[in-house]
Amino acid sequence: MNFLELVKKRHSVRNYQSRTVEKEKLDYVMECVRMAPSAVNFQPWKFTIVTDEPKLSQLKKAYSREWIKNVSCIVGACANHEESWHRKADGKDHADIDVAIAVEHFCLAAAEQGLGTCWVCNFDVQLCREIFQLPGFMEPIVLIPVGYAEEKEMPERTRKSLDEILF
């Protein structure tokens, strides 16, 4: 499949099979994350793959939506604000941008492997800090449920036209 086909295939999945994701697929996806670009190549991210039931149950409490309860794997993407590049002109911290690039590499690679994902950004940050045992300079940015989608057909998506996004 070409890149445009892959991009069109990737979508937010909110209905997962209970099937376990193979370690080989997660390893491949994380290798794609490792190759993601970042500002000044600082790579200010840490990822954690949560599959063990006690920790997974705790993590699901950070996002209390019914659909996440069936997920057998959640990946946490965290930013290291001590390692991130800060723009000289105004001090802008690029950690969020860099993590977002790495997360989208994750989501696209997962889609290529036949896995579904969903960006979850509206979660209990403090609870995630505790579960992940993060020091103060580390910030949980995104939770990514990953697994095999239950749905068989792609949901219809609308996108703005090129005229609407170009100026």
Protein backbone atom coordinates (compact mmCIF):
# COMPACT_ATOMS: atom_id res chain seq x y z
CA MET A 1 0.00 0.00 0.00
CA ASN A 2 1.26 3.49 -0.75
CA PHE A 3 1.47 6.24 1.87
CA LEU A 4 -1.84 7.91 0.98
CA GLU A 5 -3.62 4.55 1.26
CA LEU A 6 -2.02 4.01 4.69
CA VAL A 7 -3.04 7.48 5.87
CA LYS A 8 -6.60 6.84 4.73
CA LYS A 9 -6.61 3.44 6.46
CA ARG A 10 -5.59 4.88 9.86
CA HIS A 11 -8.52 6.05 11.94
CA SER A 12 -9.53 6.28 15.59
CA VAL A 13 -10.70 2.87 16.76
CA ARG A 14 -13.04 2.73 19.73
CA ASN A 15 -14.11 -0.90 19.58
CA TYR A 16 -11.47 -3.58 20.07
CA GLN A 17 -11.34 -7.36 20.06
CA SER A 18 -9.97 -8.91 23.25
CA ARG A 19 -7.22 -10.53 21.14
CA THR A 20 -3.67 -9.90 22.37
CA VAL A 21 -1.30 -7.91 20.17
CA GLU A 22 1.77 -9.90 19.19
CA LYS A 23 5.09 -8.74 20.65
CA GLU A 24 6.65 -8.78 17.17
CA LYS A 25 4.10 -6.25 15.93
CA LEU A 26 4.65 -3.98 18.94
CA ASP A 27 8.42 -4.25 18.44
CA TYR A 28 8.04 -3.25 14.78
CA VAL A 29 5.80 -0.31 15.65
CA MET A 30 8.21 0.88 18.35
CA GLU A 31 11.09 0.67 15.88
CA CYS A 32 9.10 3.04 13.66
CA VAL A 33 8.66 5.34 16.67
CA ARG A 34 12.41 5.21 17.32
CA MET A 35 13.01 6.51 13.80
CA ALA A 36 10.65 9.50 14.18
CA PRO A 37 12.20 12.93 13.65
CA SER A 38 12.37 15.53 16.42
CA ALA A 39 13.63 19.07 16.86
CA VAL A 40 17.44 19.03 16.80
CA ASN A 41 17.11 15.19 16.99
CA PHE A 42 16.76 15.39 20.79
CA GLN A 43 14.07 12.65 20.85
CA PRO A 44 12.56 13.89 24.15
CA TRP A 45 10.14 11.01 24.61
CA LYS A 46 9.64 7.86 26.60
CA PHE A 47 6.99 5.27 25.80
CA THR A 48 5.59 2.57 28.02
CA ILE A 49 3.66 -0.44 26.78
CA VAL A 50 1.10 -1.59 29.33
CA THR A 51 -0.31 -5.10 28.90
CA ASP A 52 -0.21 -6.63 32.38
CA GLU A 53 -3.71 -6.72 33.84
CA PRO A 54 -3.18 -5.00 37.22
CA LYS A 55 -1.42 -1.97 35.69
CA LEU A 56 -3.79 -1.94 32.70
CA SER A 57 -6.80 -1.82 35.04
CA GLN A 58 -5.26 1.11 36.90
CA LEU A 59 -4.51 2.93 33.66
CA LYS A 60 -8.05 2.48 32.35
CA LYS A 61 -9.25 4.48 35.39
CA ALA A 62 -7.41 7.50 33.95
CA TYR A 63 -9.87 7.55 31.05
CA SER A 64 -13.32 6.50 32.16
CA ARG A 65 -14.96 5.70 28.83
CA GLU A 66 -16.76 2.42 28.39
CA TRP A 67 -15.06 1.55 25.08
CA ILE A 68 -11.55 1.40 26.57
CA LYS A 69 -12.42 -1.43 28.96
CA ASN A 70 -11.93 -4.13 26.32
CA VAL A 71 -8.46 -2.97 25.23
CA SER A 72 -5.63 -5.39 26.04
CA CYS A 73 -2.80 -2.91 25.45
CA ILE A 74 -2.37 0.80 26.14
CA VAL A 75 0.78 2.70 25.26
CA GLY A 76 1.71 5.82 27.18
CA ALA A 77 3.71 8.51 25.38
CA CYS A 78 5.54 10.93 27.67
CA ALA A 79 7.61 14.06 27.08
CA ASN A 80 10.90 14.81 28.77
CA HIS A 81 10.97 18.59 29.19
CA GLU A 82 14.62 18.53 30.30
CA GLU A 83 15.70 16.91 27.02
CA SER A 84 13.43 18.77 24.61
CA TRP A 85 14.60 21.57 22.36
CA HIS A 86 13.49 25.08 23.32
CA ARG A 87 13.39 27.69 20.58
CA LYS A 88 15.89 30.48 21.32
CA ALA A 89 13.68 33.36 20.14
CA ASP A 90 10.85 32.77 22.61
CA GLY A 91 11.71 29.67 24.68
CA LYS A 92 8.97 27.55 23.04
CA ASP A 93 9.26 23.96 24.26
CA HIS A 94 8.93 21.55 21.33
CA ALA A 95 8.34 18.43 23.47
CA ASP A 96 4.63 18.19 22.61
CA ILE A 97 5.35 18.57 18.90
CA ASP A 98 8.09 15.94 18.98
CA VAL A 99 5.95 13.46 20.93
CA ALA A 100 3.05 14.08 18.53
CA ILE A 101 5.28 13.20 15.57
CA ALA A 102 6.43 10.00 17.29
CA VAL A 103 2.85 9.07 18.23
CA GLU A 104 1.66 9.48 14.67
CA HIS A 105 4.55 7.26 13.52
CA PHE A 106 3.20 4.76 16.07
CA CYS A 107 -0.37 5.02 14.77
CA LEU A 108 0.59 4.74 11.10
CA ALA A 109 2.92 1.78 11.71
CA ALA A 110 0.19 0.09 13.77
CA ALA A 111 -2.29 0.59 10.92
CA GLU A 112 0.21 -0.93 8.50
CA GLN A 113 0.38 -3.97 10.80
CA GLY A 114 -3.41 -4.33 10.84
CA LEU A 115 -3.82 -2.78 14.30
CA GLY A 116 -6.19 -0.07 15.41
CA THR A 117 -5.28 2.89 17.62
CA CYS A 118 -6.84 5.99 19.08
CA TRP A 119 -5.25 9.18 20.37
CA VAL A 120 -6.48 9.75 23.93
CA CYS A 121 -5.50 13.16 25.29
CA ASN A 122 -8.34 13.85 27.75
CA PHE A 123 -7.15 11.70 30.66
CA ASP A 124 -6.27 12.05 34.34
CA VAL A 125 -2.70 13.34 34.05
CA GLN A 126 -1.91 13.04 37.75
CA LEU A 127 -3.06 9.42 37.90
CA CYS A 128 -0.90 8.61 34.87
CA ARG A 129 2.08 10.32 36.51
CA GLU A 130 1.61 8.04 39.52
CA ILE A 131 1.05 4.86 37.50
CA PHE A 132 4.08 5.55 35.29
CA GLN A 133 6.11 6.83 38.29
CA LEU A 134 7.22 9.93 36.39
CA PRO A 135 9.60 12.55 37.77
CA GLY A 136 8.46 16.19 37.60
CA PHE A 137 10.20 16.97 34.29
CA MET A 138 8.34 14.13 32.53
CA GLU A 139 4.78 14.71 31.31
CA PRO A 140 2.28 12.13 30.06
CA ILE A 141 1.07 13.49 26.71
CA VAL A 142 -1.00 10.76 25.03
CA LEU A 143 -2.48 7.37 25.84
CA ILE A 144 -2.77 5.08 22.83
CA PRO A 145 -5.07 2.08 23.07
CA VAL A 146 -3.81 -0.42 20.49
CA GLY A 147 -5.25 -3.69 19.27
CA TYR A 148 -7.39 -5.40 16.69
CA ALA A 149 -10.43 -3.38 15.66
CA GLU A 150 -13.82 -5.00 16.15
CA GLU A 151 -15.44 -3.04 13.35
CA LYS A 152 -15.15 -4.38 9.85
CA GLU A 153 -15.72 -1.22 7.83
CA MET A 154 -13.96 2.12 7.92
CA PRO A 155 -16.06 4.87 9.47
CA GLU A 156 -16.85 7.75 7.15
CA ARG A 157 -14.57 10.71 7.75
CA THR A 158 -14.91 14.25 6.57
CA ARG A 159 -11.93 16.43 5.83
CA LYS A 160 -11.67 20.03 4.80
CA SER A 161 -10.87 20.65 1.14
CA LEU A 162 -7.44 21.83 0.07
CA ASP A 163 -8.89 25.29 -0.56
CA GLU A 164 -9.93 25.44 3.07
CA ILE A 165 -6.50 24.56 4.46
CA LEU A 166 -4.21 26.41 2.04
CA PHE A 167 -3.64 30.15 2.11
